[in-house]
N, C-alpha and C. Protein backbone atom coordinates (compact mmCIF):
# COMPACT_ATOMS: atom_id res chain seq x y z
N MET A 1 10.39 -10.29 -10.65
CA MET A 1 9.14 -9.39 -9.87
C MET A 1 9.84 -7.65 -10.57
N LYS A 2 8.31 -6.82 -10.66
CA LYS A 2 8.17 -6.09 -11.81
C LYS A 2 8.22 -4.68 -10.30
N PRO A 3 9.21 -3.42 -11.57
CA PRO A 3 9.17 -2.31 -9.87
C PRO A 3 7.97 -1.78 -9.64
N ILE A 4 7.71 -1.24 -8.76
CA ILE A 4 6.83 -0.43 -7.95
C ILE A 4 6.90 0.25 -9.37
N SER A 5 5.83 1.26 -9.45
CA SER A 5 5.34 2.81 -10.03
C SER A 5 6.02 3.47 -9.34
N LEU A 6 6.78 4.24 -10.11
CA LEU A 6 7.30 5.46 -9.64
C LEU A 6 6.03 6.66 -9.34
N THR A 7 5.05 6.56 -9.84
CA THR A 7 4.11 7.68 -9.78
C THR A 7 4.29 7.89 -8.58
N ILE A 8 3.38 7.45 -7.27
CA ILE A 8 3.56 8.09 -5.94
C ILE A 8 4.64 9.51 -6.05
N LEU A 9 5.92 7.88 -5.30
CA LEU A 9 7.14 8.55 -5.70
C LEU A 9 7.65 10.17 -6.10
N CYS A 10 7.68 9.69 -7.47
CA CYS A 10 7.47 11.05 -7.77
C CYS A 10 6.75 12.66 -7.61
N ALA A 11 5.50 12.25 -7.35
CA ALA A 11 4.67 13.04 -6.77
C ALA A 11 4.99 13.58 -5.41
N ALA A 12 5.64 12.63 -4.95
CA ALA A 12 6.22 13.07 -3.09
C ALA A 12 7.40 14.19 -3.39
N LEU A 13 8.38 13.52 -4.01
CA LEU A 13 9.52 13.58 -4.00
C LEU A 13 9.98 14.33 -5.46
N LEU A 14 10.28 13.73 -5.71
CA LEU A 14 10.89 14.78 -7.59
C LEU A 14 9.64 15.20 -8.91
N ALA A 15 9.12 16.38 -7.71
CA ALA A 15 7.77 17.04 -8.15
C ALA A 15 8.84 18.11 -9.46
N GLY A 16 7.97 17.54 -11.19
CA GLY A 16 9.48 18.02 -11.81
C GLY A 16 10.11 16.47 -12.53
N CYS A 17 9.87 15.39 -12.75
CA CYS A 17 11.21 14.35 -12.62
C CYS A 17 11.94 14.49 -13.82
N GLY A 18 12.81 15.08 -14.42
CA GLY A 18 13.35 14.85 -15.73
C GLY A 18 12.92 15.84 -16.19
N SER A 19 13.21 17.29 -15.25
CA SER A 19 12.96 18.77 -15.48
C SER A 19 14.14 19.51 -15.35
N SER A 20 14.36 20.56 -16.06
CA SER A 20 15.91 20.91 -15.61
C SER A 20 15.14 21.96 -14.54
N PRO A 21 16.65 22.06 -14.08
CA PRO A 21 18.12 22.27 -14.11
C PRO A 21 18.17 20.40 -12.99
N PRO A 22 19.05 20.01 -12.89
CA PRO A 22 19.17 18.57 -12.66
C PRO A 22 19.05 18.62 -10.93
N VAL A 23 18.23 17.18 -11.27
CA VAL A 23 17.39 17.13 -9.06
C VAL A 23 18.59 16.82 -8.94
N PRO A 24 18.34 17.28 -7.61
CA PRO A 24 19.60 17.26 -6.56
C PRO A 24 19.74 15.80 -6.00
N ASP A 25 20.71 15.48 -5.38
CA ASP A 25 21.38 14.30 -5.47
C ASP A 25 20.07 13.52 -3.91
N TRP A 26 20.19 14.09 -3.12
CA TRP A 26 18.96 13.84 -2.19
C TRP A 26 18.02 13.66 -2.66
N LYS A 27 17.61 13.96 -3.49
CA LYS A 27 16.10 13.68 -4.22
C LYS A 27 16.37 12.47 -4.47
N MET A 28 17.35 11.69 -5.41
CA MET A 28 17.31 11.01 -6.31
C MET A 28 17.47 9.71 -5.42
N ASN A 29 18.36 10.12 -4.70
CA ASN A 29 18.47 9.24 -2.90
C ASN A 29 17.64 8.56 -2.39
N ALA A 30 17.38 9.53 -2.00
CA ALA A 30 15.32 8.66 -0.78
C ALA A 30 14.52 8.45 -1.89
N GLN A 31 14.60 8.93 -3.52
CA GLN A 31 13.42 8.08 -3.93
C GLN A 31 13.66 6.64 -4.52
N GLY A 32 15.75 6.52 -4.65
CA GLY A 32 16.01 5.22 -4.91
C GLY A 32 15.65 4.79 -3.34
N SER A 33 16.05 4.88 -2.20
CA SER A 33 15.85 4.55 -1.13
C SER A 33 14.18 4.20 -0.94
N LEU A 34 13.43 5.41 -1.26
CA LEU A 34 12.13 4.51 -0.63
C LEU A 34 11.00 3.72 -1.72
N GLU A 35 11.81 3.56 -2.63
CA GLU A 35 11.00 2.47 -4.26
C GLU A 35 12.14 1.25 -3.11
N ARG A 36 13.01 1.21 -3.11
CA ARG A 36 13.50 -0.21 -2.45
C ARG A 36 12.89 -0.49 -1.05
N ALA A 37 12.72 0.49 -0.28
CA ALA A 37 12.40 0.05 0.79
C ALA A 37 10.89 -0.63 1.32
N THR A 38 10.06 0.22 0.23
CA THR A 38 8.41 -0.17 -0.82
C THR A 38 8.56 -2.02 -0.93
N ASN A 39 9.63 -2.17 -2.03
CA ASN A 39 9.66 -3.13 -2.89
C ASN A 39 10.09 -4.39 -1.07
N ALA A 40 10.74 -4.10 -0.54
CA ALA A 40 11.93 -5.10 0.38
C ALA A 40 10.20 -5.35 1.18
N TYR A 41 9.53 -4.05 1.78
CA TYR A 41 8.45 -4.62 2.89
C TYR A 41 7.30 -5.70 1.71
N LEU A 42 7.02 -5.24 0.95
CA LEU A 42 5.57 -6.19 -0.03
C LEU A 42 6.60 -7.33 -0.06
N SER A 43 7.47 -7.43 -0.17
CA SER A 43 8.59 -9.08 -0.30
C SER A 43 8.77 -9.54 0.90
N GLY A 44 8.51 -9.09 1.69
CA GLY A 44 8.68 -9.76 2.84
C GLY A 44 9.80 -8.95 3.62
N LYS A 45 10.60 -8.59 3.35
CA LYS A 45 12.32 -8.71 3.89
C LYS A 45 12.27 -7.30 5.02
N GLU A 46 11.56 -7.17 6.02
CA GLU A 46 11.55 -6.15 7.39
C GLU A 46 13.35 -5.83 7.37
N LEU A 47 14.30 -6.29 7.60
CA LEU A 47 15.08 -5.59 7.59
C LEU A 47 15.56 -4.37 6.50
N VAL A 48 15.11 -4.87 5.42
CA VAL A 48 15.78 -4.03 3.99
C VAL A 48 15.46 -3.12 4.65
N GLU A 49 13.28 -3.38 4.40
CA GLU A 49 12.67 -2.66 4.59
C GLU A 49 12.94 -1.41 5.68
N LYS A 50 13.12 -1.46 6.66
CA LYS A 50 13.96 -0.68 8.09
C LYS A 50 15.17 0.52 6.88
N THR A 51 15.97 -0.56 6.75
CA THR A 51 17.70 -0.06 6.87
C THR A 51 17.04 1.49 5.37
N GLU A 52 16.62 0.92 4.54
CA GLU A 52 16.19 1.35 3.24
C GLU A 52 15.44 2.95 3.32
N PHE A 53 14.30 2.72 4.14
CA PHE A 53 13.74 3.76 4.53
C PHE A 53 14.15 4.49 5.63
N GLY A 54 14.77 4.33 6.52
CA GLY A 54 15.61 5.12 7.41
C GLY A 54 16.78 5.90 6.55
N ARG A 55 17.32 5.17 5.84
CA ARG A 55 18.37 6.29 4.42
C ARG A 55 17.22 6.49 3.51
N ALA A 56 15.93 7.01 3.48
CA ALA A 56 15.13 8.03 2.73
C ALA A 56 14.93 8.87 3.16
N ARG A 57 14.55 8.28 4.86
CA ARG A 57 13.93 10.04 5.50
C ARG A 57 15.30 10.78 6.06
N GLU A 58 16.17 10.00 6.09
CA GLU A 58 17.39 11.11 7.02
C GLU A 58 18.15 12.03 5.78
N GLN A 59 17.48 11.48 4.19
CA GLN A 59 18.49 12.59 3.24
C GLN A 59 17.42 13.51 3.03
N ILE A 60 15.44 12.96 3.29
CA ILE A 60 14.93 14.27 3.86
C ILE A 60 14.57 15.17 4.92
N ALA A 61 14.90 14.45 5.73
CA ALA A 61 15.35 15.26 7.03
C ALA A 61 16.00 16.72 7.26
N GLY A 62 17.13 15.99 6.71
CA GLY A 62 18.41 17.04 6.22
C GLY A 62 17.90 18.48 5.36
N THR A 63 17.23 18.20 4.84
CA THR A 63 16.88 19.79 3.78
C THR A 63 15.70 20.52 5.02
N GLY A 64 15.02 20.26 5.85
CA GLY A 64 14.37 20.33 6.94
C GLY A 64 12.72 20.84 6.25
N LYS A 65 12.17 19.88 4.91
CA LYS A 65 11.57 20.19 4.88
C LYS A 65 10.37 18.35 5.37
N ILE A 66 9.20 19.20 5.78
CA ILE A 66 8.44 18.84 6.96
C ILE A 66 7.84 17.89 5.67
N ASP A 67 7.22 18.57 5.13
CA ASP A 67 6.08 18.10 4.49
C ASP A 67 6.67 16.49 3.79
N LEU A 68 7.71 16.81 2.99
CA LEU A 68 8.24 15.84 2.42
C LEU A 68 8.41 13.83 3.16
N VAL A 69 8.82 15.01 4.45
CA VAL A 69 8.99 13.68 5.04
C VAL A 69 7.50 13.05 5.84
N ILE A 70 6.38 14.16 5.78
CA ILE A 70 5.13 13.48 5.96
C ILE A 70 5.11 12.59 4.60
N ARG A 71 5.13 13.15 3.92
CA ARG A 71 4.53 12.17 2.96
C ARG A 71 5.42 10.74 2.63
N ALA A 72 6.96 11.22 2.98
CA ALA A 72 7.27 9.91 3.04
C ALA A 72 7.06 8.77 4.02
N GLU A 73 7.03 9.24 5.00
CA GLU A 73 5.86 7.86 5.96
C GLU A 73 4.59 7.35 5.35
N LEU A 74 3.83 8.46 4.84
CA LEU A 74 2.89 8.12 4.25
C LEU A 74 2.75 7.08 3.65
N ILE A 75 3.86 7.09 2.04
CA ILE A 75 4.32 6.06 1.10
C ILE A 75 4.22 4.28 2.11
N ARG A 76 4.54 5.15 3.09
CA ARG A 76 5.56 4.08 4.27
C ARG A 76 4.26 3.11 4.71
N CYS A 77 3.35 3.80 5.46
CA CYS A 77 1.52 3.54 5.39
C CYS A 77 0.73 2.42 4.39
N ALA A 78 0.74 3.66 3.14
CA ALA A 78 0.39 2.86 2.44
C ALA A 78 0.47 1.19 1.69
N ALA A 79 1.77 0.84 1.80
CA ALA A 79 2.46 -0.28 2.36
C ALA A 79 1.16 -1.31 2.89
N ARG A 80 1.74 -0.62 3.73
CA ARG A 80 0.96 -1.09 5.13
C ARG A 80 -0.34 -1.36 4.52
N THR A 81 -0.88 -0.88 4.24
CA THR A 81 -2.42 -0.91 4.41
C THR A 81 -2.38 -1.91 3.32
N ALA A 82 -1.73 -1.73 2.33
CA ALA A 82 -1.95 -2.88 0.93
C ALA A 82 -1.41 -4.82 1.58
N ALA A 83 -0.94 -4.48 2.22
CA ALA A 83 -0.85 -5.25 2.85
C ALA A 83 -1.54 -6.14 4.32
N LEU A 84 -2.64 -5.33 4.41
CA LEU A 84 -3.19 -5.44 5.37
C LEU A 84 -2.90 -5.53 6.61
N ALA A 85 -1.72 -4.54 7.05
CA ALA A 85 -1.43 -4.41 8.43
C ALA A 85 -2.30 -3.46 9.06
N PHE A 86 -2.74 -4.05 10.43
CA PHE A 86 -3.66 -3.24 11.44
C PHE A 86 -2.43 -2.91 12.32
N GLU A 87 -1.57 -1.93 11.70
CA GLU A 87 -1.15 -1.02 12.60
C GLU A 87 -1.06 0.16 12.74
N ASP A 88 -0.77 0.80 13.95
CA ASP A 88 -0.57 2.54 13.85
C ASP A 88 0.29 2.78 12.65
N CYS A 89 0.12 4.62 12.50
CA CYS A 89 0.55 4.84 11.29
C CYS A 89 1.77 5.81 12.29
N ALA A 90 2.78 5.06 13.19
CA ALA A 90 3.69 5.81 13.96
C ALA A 90 4.19 6.82 13.67
N GLY A 91 5.03 7.21 12.81
CA GLY A 91 5.89 7.86 12.00
C GLY A 91 5.19 9.06 11.43
N PHE A 92 4.11 8.85 11.04
CA PHE A 92 2.95 9.92 10.59
C PHE A 92 2.48 10.83 12.01
N ASP A 93 2.00 9.88 12.23
CA ASP A 93 1.27 10.58 13.58
C ASP A 93 2.26 11.54 14.60
N ALA A 94 3.47 10.99 14.98
CA ALA A 94 4.63 12.23 15.16
C ALA A 94 5.02 13.17 14.49
N LEU A 95 4.23 13.25 13.32
CA LEU A 95 4.08 14.14 12.74
C LEU A 95 3.10 15.66 12.44
N ARG A 96 1.95 14.72 12.68
CA ARG A 96 0.53 15.43 12.46
C ARG A 96 0.35 16.51 12.58
N ALA A 97 0.94 17.34 13.71
CA ALA A 97 0.48 18.72 13.84
C ALA A 97 0.95 19.60 12.38
N ASP A 98 1.90 19.48 11.76
CA ASP A 98 2.15 19.64 11.06
C ASP A 98 1.37 19.29 9.59
N ALA A 99 1.21 18.40 9.42
CA ALA A 99 -0.04 18.11 8.39
C ALA A 99 -1.10 18.98 7.89
N THR A 100 -0.93 18.74 6.17
CA THR A 100 -1.71 19.32 5.61
C THR A 100 -3.21 18.87 5.52
N ALA A 101 -4.46 19.35 5.31
CA ALA A 101 -5.64 18.16 5.63
C ALA A 101 -5.82 17.61 4.29
N ALA A 102 -4.83 17.77 3.10
CA ALA A 102 -4.07 15.92 2.09
C ALA A 102 -3.95 15.00 2.80
N ASP A 103 -3.01 15.90 3.63
CA ASP A 103 -2.15 14.69 4.31
C ASP A 103 -3.06 13.37 5.09
N LEU A 104 -3.82 14.68 6.21
CA LEU A 104 -4.58 14.24 6.99
C LEU A 104 -5.80 12.93 6.19
N ALA A 105 -6.45 13.37 5.02
CA ALA A 105 -7.88 13.15 4.48
C ALA A 105 -6.70 11.48 3.99
N TYR A 106 -5.72 11.50 3.83
CA TYR A 106 -5.04 10.34 3.23
C TYR A 106 -4.68 9.25 4.53
N ALA A 107 -4.21 9.57 5.40
CA ALA A 107 -3.97 8.65 6.80
C ALA A 107 -5.34 8.03 7.09
N ALA A 108 -6.11 8.93 6.85
CA ALA A 108 -7.88 8.68 7.48
C ALA A 108 -8.24 7.19 6.35
N TYR A 109 -7.40 7.85 5.13
CA TYR A 109 -8.02 6.95 4.36
C TYR A 109 -7.32 5.86 3.95
N LEU A 110 -6.06 5.62 4.29
CA LEU A 110 -5.01 4.51 4.75
C LEU A 110 -6.43 3.52 5.99
N ALA A 111 -6.77 4.29 6.74
CA ALA A 111 -7.13 3.49 8.45
C ALA A 111 -8.22 3.41 8.64
N GLY A 112 -8.73 3.56 7.40
CA GLY A 112 -10.29 2.85 7.05
C GLY A 112 -11.72 3.73 7.24
N GLN A 113 -11.08 5.14 7.50
CA GLN A 113 -11.87 5.95 7.55
C GLN A 113 -12.07 6.94 7.26
N PRO A 114 -13.56 8.12 7.50
CA PRO A 114 -14.37 8.61 6.11
C PRO A 114 -12.95 9.79 5.99
N ALA A 115 -13.06 10.22 4.63
CA ALA A 115 -11.89 11.29 3.93
C ALA A 115 -12.90 11.59 2.74
N GLN A 116 -12.43 12.75 2.92
CA GLN A 116 -12.57 13.78 1.59
C GLN A 116 -12.49 13.24 0.68
N ALA A 117 -13.15 12.93 -0.46
CA ALA A 117 -11.68 12.19 -1.86
C ALA A 117 -11.47 13.52 -2.47
N ALA A 118 -12.15 14.02 -2.06
CA ALA A 118 -10.99 15.61 -3.19
C ALA A 118 -10.14 15.40 -2.79
N LEU A 119 -9.09 15.18 -1.41
CA LEU A 119 -8.03 15.06 -1.36
C LEU A 119 -7.51 14.07 -1.35
N LEU A 120 -8.10 13.58 -1.48
CA LEU A 120 -7.26 12.12 -1.70
C LEU A 120 -5.70 11.53 -2.91
N PRO A 121 -5.11 11.57 -3.34
CA PRO A 121 -4.55 10.86 -4.62
C PRO A 121 -5.35 10.44 -5.33
N GLU A 122 -5.14 11.01 -6.96
CA GLU A 122 -6.15 10.78 -7.65
C GLU A 122 -6.27 9.10 -7.66
N PRO A 123 -5.47 8.41 -7.61
CA PRO A 123 -5.82 6.49 -7.85
C PRO A 123 -7.13 6.44 -7.11
N GLN A 124 -7.11 6.42 -5.86
CA GLN A 124 -7.94 6.79 -4.92
C GLN A 124 -9.09 7.31 -4.99
N ARG A 125 -9.42 8.59 -5.65
CA ARG A 125 -10.74 9.28 -5.27
C ARG A 125 -12.07 8.66 -5.63
N SER A 126 -12.32 7.77 -6.58
CA SER A 126 -13.31 7.08 -7.29
C SER A 126 -13.88 6.01 -6.40
N VAL A 127 -12.66 5.35 -5.96
CA VAL A 127 -13.22 4.03 -4.95
C VAL A 127 -13.36 4.87 -3.30
N GLN A 128 -13.72 5.78 -3.28
CA GLN A 128 -13.33 6.47 -1.96
C GLN A 128 -15.08 7.18 -2.58
N ALA A 129 -14.86 7.95 -3.20
CA ALA A 129 -16.86 8.84 -3.59
C ALA A 129 -17.48 7.16 -3.97
N ALA A 130 -16.89 6.31 -4.46
CA ALA A 130 -18.41 4.96 -4.74
C ALA A 130 -19.29 4.92 -4.12
N GLY A 131 -20.74 5.01 -3.91
CA GLY A 131 -21.87 4.89 -3.36
C GLY A 131 -22.04 3.34 -2.40
N SER A 132 -21.47 2.35 -3.62
CA SER A 132 -21.81 0.76 -3.08
C SER A 132 -20.55 0.37 -2.84
N ASP A 133 -20.52 -0.68 -1.94
CA ASP A 133 -19.41 -1.79 -2.29
C ASP A 133 -18.81 -2.17 -3.11
N GLN A 134 -19.92 -2.68 -3.87
CA GLN A 134 -19.61 -3.24 -5.55
C GLN A 134 -19.09 -2.68 -6.52
N ALA A 135 -19.66 -0.83 -6.51
CA ALA A 135 -19.28 -0.24 -6.89
C ALA A 135 -17.71 0.32 -7.12
N ALA A 136 -17.47 0.62 -5.72
CA ALA A 136 -15.73 0.70 -4.62
C ALA A 136 -15.28 -0.14 -4.99
N ALA A 137 -15.41 -2.01 -5.65
CA ALA A 137 -14.50 -2.80 -6.03
C ALA A 137 -14.60 -2.59 -7.97
N SER A 138 -15.18 -2.33 -8.60
CA SER A 138 -15.56 -2.19 -9.57
C SER A 138 -14.34 -0.86 -10.07
N ALA A 139 -14.18 0.13 -9.23
CA ALA A 139 -13.18 1.09 -9.22
C ALA A 139 -12.01 1.01 -8.91
N VAL A 140 -11.36 -0.22 -8.25
CA VAL A 140 -10.53 -0.82 -8.19
C VAL A 140 -10.05 -1.02 -9.08
N LYS A 141 -10.69 -2.04 -9.53
CA LYS A 141 -10.35 -2.63 -10.91
C LYS A 141 -10.15 -1.24 -11.34
N THR A 142 -10.29 -0.33 -12.02
CA THR A 142 -9.79 0.51 -12.87
C THR A 142 -8.44 1.69 -12.61
N ILE A 143 -7.85 1.21 -11.10
CA ILE A 143 -6.72 1.68 -11.10
C ILE A 143 -5.61 0.76 -11.39
N ALA A 144 -4.60 1.36 -12.81
CA ALA A 144 -3.39 1.30 -13.46
C ALA A 144 -2.14 0.29 -12.81
N ASP A 145 -2.49 1.66 -11.77
CA ASP A 145 -0.69 0.75 -11.05
C ASP A 145 -1.41 0.14 -9.68
N PRO A 146 -0.32 -1.43 -9.53
CA PRO A 146 -1.00 -2.57 -9.27
C PRO A 146 -0.56 -2.29 -7.73
N LEU A 147 0.21 -1.37 -7.21
CA LEU A 147 0.20 -0.68 -5.70
C LEU A 147 -0.48 -0.15 -4.97
N SER A 148 -1.32 0.98 -5.99
CA SER A 148 -1.99 1.65 -5.82
C SER A 148 -3.24 1.39 -5.43
N GLN A 149 -3.24 -0.15 -6.39
CA GLN A 149 -4.53 -0.97 -6.73
C GLN A 149 -5.20 -0.93 -5.11
N LEU A 150 -3.52 -1.69 -4.39
CA LEU A 150 -3.74 -2.94 -3.59
C LEU A 150 -4.06 -1.90 -1.82
N VAL A 151 -3.30 -0.14 -2.53
CA VAL A 151 -3.54 0.67 -1.41
C VAL A 151 -5.40 0.35 -1.19
N ALA A 152 -5.56 0.57 -2.24
CA ALA A 152 -7.33 0.69 -2.04
C ALA A 152 -8.02 -0.02 -1.80
N ALA A 153 -8.41 -1.50 -2.41
CA ALA A 153 -7.85 -2.12 -1.23
C ALA A 153 -8.19 -2.70 -0.37
N GLY A 154 -6.67 -2.39 0.63
CA GLY A 154 -7.15 -2.12 2.00
C GLY A 154 -7.49 -1.41 2.27
N ALA A 155 -7.82 -0.19 1.84
CA ALA A 155 -8.52 0.91 2.94
C ALA A 155 -10.30 0.52 2.58
N LEU A 156 -10.75 -0.49 1.10
CA LEU A 156 -11.90 -0.79 1.92
C LEU A 156 -11.95 -1.92 2.41
N PHE A 157 -10.49 -2.68 2.63
CA PHE A 157 -11.28 -3.77 3.61
C PHE A 157 -11.57 -3.68 4.85
N LYS A 158 -10.30 -2.20 6.00
CA LYS A 158 -10.25 -1.99 6.43
C LYS A 158 -11.51 -1.25 6.94
N ALA A 159 -12.33 -1.11 5.85
CA ALA A 159 -13.54 0.12 6.62
C ALA A 159 -14.52 -1.08 6.33
N ASN A 160 -14.43 -2.42 6.24
CA ASN A 160 -15.44 -3.68 5.83
C ASN A 160 -15.97 -2.81 5.02
N ARG A 161 -15.59 -3.21 3.69
CA ARG A 161 -16.23 -3.03 2.54
C ARG A 161 -15.54 -3.38 1.50
N ALA A 162 -15.32 -5.05 1.93
CA ALA A 162 -14.07 -5.48 0.51
C ALA A 162 -14.90 -7.01 0.42
N THR A 163 -16.24 -6.99 -0.75
CA THR A 163 -16.40 -7.71 -1.39
C THR A 163 -15.84 -9.20 -1.40
N PRO A 164 -16.04 -9.76 -1.57
CA PRO A 164 -15.31 -11.62 -2.26
C PRO A 164 -14.22 -10.96 -3.80
N GLU A 165 -15.43 -10.18 -4.56
CA GLU A 165 -14.78 -10.21 -5.47
C GLU A 165 -13.14 -9.10 -5.52
N LEU A 166 -13.53 -7.87 -4.95
CA LEU A 166 -12.44 -7.34 -3.87
C LEU A 166 -11.35 -7.88 -3.67
N VAL A 167 -11.84 -9.05 -3.14
CA VAL A 167 -10.28 -10.04 -2.00
C VAL A 167 -9.95 -11.12 -3.20
N ALA A 168 -10.94 -11.23 -3.98
CA ALA A 168 -10.24 -12.08 -5.70
C ALA A 168 -9.08 -10.84 -5.88
N GLN A 169 -9.91 -10.02 -6.56
CA GLN A 169 -8.44 -9.12 -7.07
C GLN A 169 -7.44 -8.69 -6.98
N ALA A 170 -7.21 -8.64 -5.80
CA ALA A 170 -6.28 -8.17 -4.52
C ALA A 170 -5.32 -9.32 -4.51
N VAL A 171 -5.91 -10.29 -4.39
CA VAL A 171 -5.05 -12.24 -4.13
C VAL A 171 -4.38 -12.10 -5.55
N ASP A 172 -4.97 -11.27 -7.25
CA ASP A 172 -4.37 -11.58 -8.02
C ASP A 172 -3.14 -10.95 -8.08
N THR A 173 -3.52 -10.08 -8.30
CA THR A 173 -2.81 -8.60 -8.12
C THR A 173 -1.09 -8.51 -7.37
N ALA A 174 -1.64 -8.93 -6.16
CA ALA A 174 -0.43 -9.44 -4.97
C ALA A 174 0.65 -10.76 -5.57
N SER A 175 -0.37 -11.86 -6.58
CA SER A 175 0.30 -12.80 -6.99
C SER A 175 1.25 -12.26 -8.79
N ASN A 176 0.22 -11.88 -8.98
CA ASN A 176 1.66 -11.37 -10.37
C ASN A 176 2.34 -11.27 -10.43
N GLN A 177 2.52 -9.62 -8.81
CA GLN A 177 3.71 -9.19 -8.91
C GLN A 177 4.75 -9.59 -7.91
N GLY A 178 4.09 -10.97 -7.76
CA GLY A 178 5.26 -11.76 -7.20
C GLY A 178 5.30 -10.97 -5.41
N TRP A 179 4.72 -10.10 -4.78
CA TRP A 179 4.51 -9.76 -3.50
C TRP A 179 3.84 -10.15 -2.31
N ARG A 180 5.00 -11.07 -2.34
CA ARG A 180 4.61 -12.16 -0.73
C ARG A 180 3.47 -12.08 0.28
N ARG A 181 4.33 -10.49 0.87
CA ARG A 181 3.76 -9.95 2.41
C ARG A 181 2.05 -9.80 1.97
N PRO A 182 1.55 -9.03 0.99
CA PRO A 182 0.12 -9.18 0.90
C PRO A 182 -0.20 -10.03 0.21
N LEU A 183 0.23 -10.88 -0.50
CA LEU A 183 -0.28 -12.47 -1.19
C LEU A 183 -1.32 -12.86 -0.26
N LEU A 184 0.27 -13.05 1.34
CA LEU A 184 0.05 -14.04 1.94
C LEU A 184 -1.71 -13.39 3.19
N ALA A 185 -1.12 -12.47 3.18
CA ALA A 185 -2.07 -11.24 4.20
C ALA A 185 -4.01 -11.73 2.81
N TRP A 186 -4.00 -11.23 1.93
CA TRP A 186 -5.17 -11.78 1.11
C TRP A 186 -5.59 -12.94 0.96
N LEU A 187 -4.89 -14.57 0.63
CA LEU A 187 -4.75 -15.50 0.97
C LEU A 187 -5.72 -15.76 2.01
N ASN A 188 -4.85 -15.17 3.30
CA ASN A 188 -5.80 -15.50 4.38
C ASN A 188 -6.98 -15.12 5.20
N VAL A 189 -7.37 -14.39 4.15
CA VAL A 189 -8.80 -13.54 4.14
C VAL A 189 -9.95 -14.36 3.74
N GLN A 190 -9.36 -14.95 1.80
CA GLN A 190 -9.68 -15.81 1.63
C GLN A 190 -10.02 -17.31 1.95
N ALA A 191 -9.45 -17.28 2.62
CA ALA A 191 -9.17 -19.31 3.55
C ALA A 191 -10.17 -18.74 4.50
N LEU A 192 -9.91 -17.89 5.30
CA LEU A 192 -10.85 -17.08 6.51
C LEU A 192 -12.83 -17.46 5.64
N ARG A 193 -12.53 -16.87 5.32
CA ARG A 193 -14.18 -16.95 4.54
C ARG A 193 -14.81 -17.99 4.57
N ALA A 194 -13.66 -19.10 3.50
CA ALA A 194 -14.40 -19.45 3.13
C ALA A 194 -15.10 -20.52 3.84
N GLU A 195 -13.92 -20.45 5.32
CA GLU A 195 -13.87 -21.64 6.25
C GLU A 195 -15.29 -21.06 7.16
N LYS A 196 -16.16 -19.50 7.00
CA LYS A 196 -16.60 -19.62 7.60
C LYS A 196 -17.84 -19.81 6.50
N ALA A 197 -17.59 -19.81 5.36
CA ALA A 197 -19.44 -19.94 4.07
C ALA A 197 -19.46 -21.68 4.77
N GLY A 198 -18.16 -22.43 4.83
CA GLY A 198 -18.61 -23.83 5.41
C GLY A 198 -17.68 -24.58 3.98
N ALA A 199 -17.29 -23.54 3.07
CA ALA A 199 -16.87 -24.21 1.99
C ALA A 199 -15.23 -24.95 2.38
N ALA A 200 -15.19 -25.91 3.25
CA ALA A 200 -14.13 -27.19 3.55
C ALA A 200 -13.20 -26.78 2.40
N ASP A 201 -13.66 -27.63 1.36
CA ASP A 201 -12.76 -28.13 0.25
C ASP A 201 -11.77 -26.34 -0.81
N GLU A 202 -12.78 -25.30 -0.59
CA GLU A 202 -12.28 -24.50 -1.30
C GLU A 202 -11.15 -23.69 -0.04
N ALA A 203 -11.47 -23.75 1.12
CA ALA A 203 -10.64 -23.13 2.33
C ALA A 203 -9.13 -23.70 2.50
N ALA A 204 -9.45 -25.69 2.09
CA ALA A 204 -8.38 -26.06 2.43
C ALA A 204 -7.27 -26.16 0.68
N ARG A 205 -7.75 -26.18 0.07
CA ARG A 205 -7.14 -25.06 -1.61
C ARG A 205 -6.20 -24.12 -1.08
N ILE A 206 -7.56 -23.04 -0.56
CA ILE A 206 -6.43 -21.82 0.05
C ILE A 206 -5.33 -21.81 0.29
N ARG A 207 -5.45 -22.91 2.11
CA ARG A 207 -4.49 -23.30 2.35
C ARG A 207 -3.55 -23.72 1.90
N ARG A 208 -3.36 -24.32 1.43
CA ARG A 208 -2.80 -25.28 0.44
C ARG A 208 -1.58 -24.77 -0.73
N ARG A 209 -2.40 -23.23 -1.12
CA ARG A 209 -1.38 -22.32 -1.64
C ARG A 209 -1.11 -21.24 -0.80
N ILE A 210 -1.64 -21.10 0.53
CA ILE A 210 -0.51 -20.22 1.32
C ILE A 210 0.51 -20.90 1.95
N ALA A 211 0.80 -22.36 2.15
CA ALA A 211 1.93 -22.91 1.94
C ALA A 211 3.22 -23.24 1.91
N LEU A 212 2.36 -22.94 0.15
CA LEU A 212 3.29 -22.86 -1.14
C LEU A 212 4.44 -21.53 -0.84
N VAL A 213 3.12 -20.60 -0.44
CA VAL A 213 4.20 -19.19 -0.74
C VAL A 213 4.58 -18.76 0.10
N GLN A 214 4.77 -19.58 1.70
CA GLN A 214 5.70 -19.91 3.26
C GLN A 214 6.78 -21.06 2.22
N GLY A 215 6.66 -21.56 1.29
CA GLY A 215 7.96 -22.67 1.38
C GLY A 215 7.75 -23.88 2.38
N GLN A 216 6.39 -24.09 2.45
CA GLN A 216 6.09 -25.65 3.24
C GLN A 216 5.61 -26.28 2.82
N PRO A 217 5.97 -27.57 2.81
CA PRO A 217 5.51 -28.94 2.21
C PRO A 217 4.34 -28.64 2.00
N ALA A 218 3.85 -29.52 1.15
CA ALA A 218 2.32 -29.61 0.47
C ALA A 218 1.78 -30.99 1.72
N SER A 219 0.69 -30.96 1.78
CA SER A 219 -0.36 -31.56 3.01
C SER A 219 -1.53 -32.31 2.79
């Protein structure tokens, strides 16, 4: 499985990765745990994700830097958006009173709510600013980082703006990365849409693929 890009993690915690003086141990430890937690979540390993995220949050909280704790919670929420998890971003919500305008905009974006594009992380801005659903889907395709691409796709889905092409792109991205949790979520979207459209053969094909990912015997 391809490692998660460190773009988001470095931006959140290691501003100036590789610069001198040496990065403090807590930053390196937190970054490593956040990366492992995100990989674990996308792979469907909930216990590992919970443990690693707890370690990362403890490292960051020990500094008293509430802004970085907020960003860590948003990273966690972003992974859930990528996997179409419709759940509250509880960790962020508990810290909402200390969130910046950019933090609030990103949280709203992840929930599929209106957000000011200029306040979002750079990969998401063109997606949010797109005038049509098709233009938004095209903007998602231009995002190079696989995780950021899935986050954008998930945000559009939550906003009820997901085109068939966007869903197919999300399936391919999750499949290529070997990310089991989002792959199953997006395949289920495809299957439900095929069933609703009366495409029984296509729905059955997708259901067989879902069974394969789940490790179930072919029917």
